[in-house]
């Protein structure tokens, strides 16, 4: 073999080794794992909930875009006040829709289900008498 090509071949092989090495190093950081292990959920320890401190914020964040004002996007269902919300709590529609238990459309429509902690907060408020506090 011609000695003139030896440095070029050695250089090429060294470059390949370096590329392979850095590729393996960068790929070793990528892995798939269980989300609950990588991103653990903070336990929901709510024991009391009030309309003004807890429930109103959850409803505003997740429901107001469709269910406030003239509520035209929300089939005329308004949830922007205690009185309006209590109607849907009393007839069971609120919990059926956010629990996705059937019989009525699931809410938020075309969105992710409320977190289990948000649902538990609303249920705690209901269990404690649905007070306007």
Protein backbone atom coordinates (compact mmCIF):
# COMPACT_ATOMS: atom_id res chain seq x y z
CA UNK A 1 0.00 0.00 0.00
CA UNK A 2 1.21 3.47 -0.80
CA UNK A 3 2.51 5.26 2.32
CA UNK A 4 1.12 8.58 1.12
CA UNK A 5 -2.43 7.42 1.89
CA UNK A 6 -1.72 6.20 5.42
CA UNK A 7 -2.11 9.57 7.22
CA UNK A 8 -5.36 10.22 5.33
CA UNK A 9 -6.77 6.80 6.19
CA UNK A 10 -5.73 7.18 9.83
CA UNK A 11 -7.28 10.65 9.95
CA UNK A 12 -10.51 9.40 8.40
CA UNK A 13 -10.75 6.48 10.81
CA UNK A 14 -10.06 8.82 13.74
CA UNK A 15 -12.83 11.15 12.56
CA UNK A 16 -15.24 8.22 12.31
CA UNK A 17 -14.35 7.11 15.85
CA UNK A 18 -14.90 10.63 17.16
CA UNK A 19 -18.26 10.93 15.40
CA UNK A 20 -19.38 7.52 16.69
CA UNK A 21 -18.19 8.37 20.20
CA UNK A 22 -20.08 11.67 20.37
CA UNK A 23 -23.16 10.11 18.78
CA UNK A 24 -23.22 7.37 21.41
CA UNK A 25 -22.69 9.87 24.21
CA UNK A 26 -25.49 12.13 22.97
CA UNK A 27 -27.89 9.23 22.46
CA UNK A 28 -27.22 7.76 25.86
CA UNK A 29 -28.97 10.77 27.40
CA UNK A 30 -32.16 9.99 25.49
CA UNK A 31 -34.40 7.41 27.02
CA UNK A 32 -38.04 6.74 27.58
CA UNK A 33 -39.28 6.02 31.03
CA UNK A 34 -42.49 6.10 32.96
CA UNK A 35 -43.69 9.69 33.26
CA UNK A 36 -44.84 9.18 36.83
CA UNK A 37 -41.28 8.23 37.81
CA UNK A 38 -39.56 10.98 35.86
CA UNK A 39 -42.15 13.66 36.71
CA UNK A 40 -43.77 12.54 39.99
CA UNK A 41 -47.14 14.03 40.80
CA UNK A 42 -47.50 16.04 43.96
CA UNK A 43 -50.14 14.31 46.07
CA UNK A 44 -53.46 16.11 46.30
CA UNK A 45 -54.14 16.48 49.99
CA UNK A 46 -57.07 18.89 49.90
CA UNK A 47 -59.53 18.44 52.75
CA UNK A 48 -61.45 21.72 52.53
CA UNK A 49 -62.31 23.81 49.53
CA UNK A 50 -64.11 27.11 49.14
CA UNK A 51 -65.77 28.63 46.11
CA UNK A 52 -63.77 31.85 46.20
CA UNK A 53 -60.35 30.39 47.06
CA UNK A 54 -60.39 27.17 45.05
CA UNK A 55 -63.33 26.37 42.81
CA UNK A 56 -63.76 29.76 41.15
CA UNK A 57 -60.14 29.70 39.93
CA UNK A 58 -60.46 26.19 38.51
CA UNK A 59 -63.67 27.11 36.67
CA UNK A 60 -62.19 30.40 35.39
CA UNK A 61 -59.04 28.71 34.11
CA UNK A 62 -60.75 25.75 32.45
CA UNK A 63 -64.28 26.85 31.57
CA UNK A 64 -64.53 30.62 31.13
CA UNK A 65 -63.42 30.70 27.52
CA UNK A 66 -66.75 29.08 26.55
CA UNK A 67 -68.99 29.36 29.60
CA UNK A 68 -68.98 33.06 30.49
CA UNK A 69 -70.40 36.27 29.07
CA UNK A 70 -73.09 35.35 26.56
CA UNK A 71 -71.77 31.74 26.57
CA UNK A 72 -72.53 31.30 22.89
CA UNK A 73 -69.62 28.88 22.48
CA UNK A 74 -70.77 26.91 25.52
CA UNK A 75 -74.33 26.10 24.42
CA UNK A 76 -75.65 28.95 26.55
CA UNK A 77 -74.37 27.38 29.77
CA UNK A 78 -72.86 30.05 31.99
CA UNK A 79 -70.51 29.11 34.81
CA UNK A 80 -69.15 32.55 35.63
CA UNK A 81 -70.86 33.05 38.99
CA UNK A 82 -71.62 31.03 42.09
CA UNK A 83 -75.36 31.02 41.35
CA UNK A 84 -74.89 29.85 37.77
CA UNK A 85 -72.42 27.13 38.76
CA UNK A 86 -74.61 25.86 41.62
CA UNK A 87 -77.37 25.00 39.13
CA UNK A 88 -75.08 22.55 37.33
CA UNK A 89 -73.70 21.21 40.60
CA UNK A 90 -77.21 20.54 41.92
CA UNK A 91 -78.37 18.64 38.83
CA UNK A 92 -75.13 16.61 38.65
CA UNK A 93 -74.11 17.85 35.21
CA UNK A 94 -70.91 19.54 36.38
CA UNK A 95 -69.36 16.43 37.92
CA UNK A 96 -70.60 14.16 35.11
CA UNK A 97 -69.01 16.39 32.49
CA UNK A 98 -65.64 16.86 34.22
CA UNK A 99 -65.42 13.21 35.33
CA UNK A 100 -66.27 12.05 31.78
CA UNK A 101 -68.83 9.62 33.21
CA UNK A 102 -71.28 9.82 30.33
CA UNK A 103 -74.74 11.03 29.62
CA UNK A 104 -73.60 14.54 28.73
CA UNK A 105 -70.70 16.01 26.73
CA UNK A 106 -67.30 15.78 28.39
CA UNK A 107 -65.62 18.98 29.48
CA UNK A 108 -63.46 20.74 28.73
CA UNK A 109 -64.57 19.97 25.22
CA UNK A 110 -61.66 19.27 22.84
CA UNK A 111 -59.26 19.62 25.76
CA UNK A 112 -57.58 17.51 28.38
CA UNK A 113 -59.57 16.26 31.32
CA UNK A 114 -59.12 18.33 34.46
CA UNK A 115 -56.40 17.07 36.77
CA UNK A 116 -57.49 14.61 39.41
CA UNK A 117 -56.61 17.21 42.05
CA UNK A 118 -58.87 19.84 40.43
CA UNK A 119 -61.71 17.31 40.25
CA UNK A 120 -61.11 16.32 43.88
CA UNK A 121 -61.12 19.99 44.90
CA UNK A 122 -64.49 20.58 43.25
CA UNK A 123 -65.87 17.36 44.73
CA UNK A 124 -64.61 18.37 48.20
CA UNK A 125 -66.38 21.73 47.83
CA UNK A 126 -69.59 19.92 46.85
CA UNK A 127 -69.24 17.39 49.69
CA UNK A 128 -68.78 20.26 52.16
CA UNK A 129 -72.12 21.82 51.20
CA UNK A 130 -71.39 23.84 48.04
CA UNK A 131 -71.11 27.01 50.10
CA UNK A 132 -70.69 30.47 48.59
CA UNK A 133 -67.57 31.25 50.58
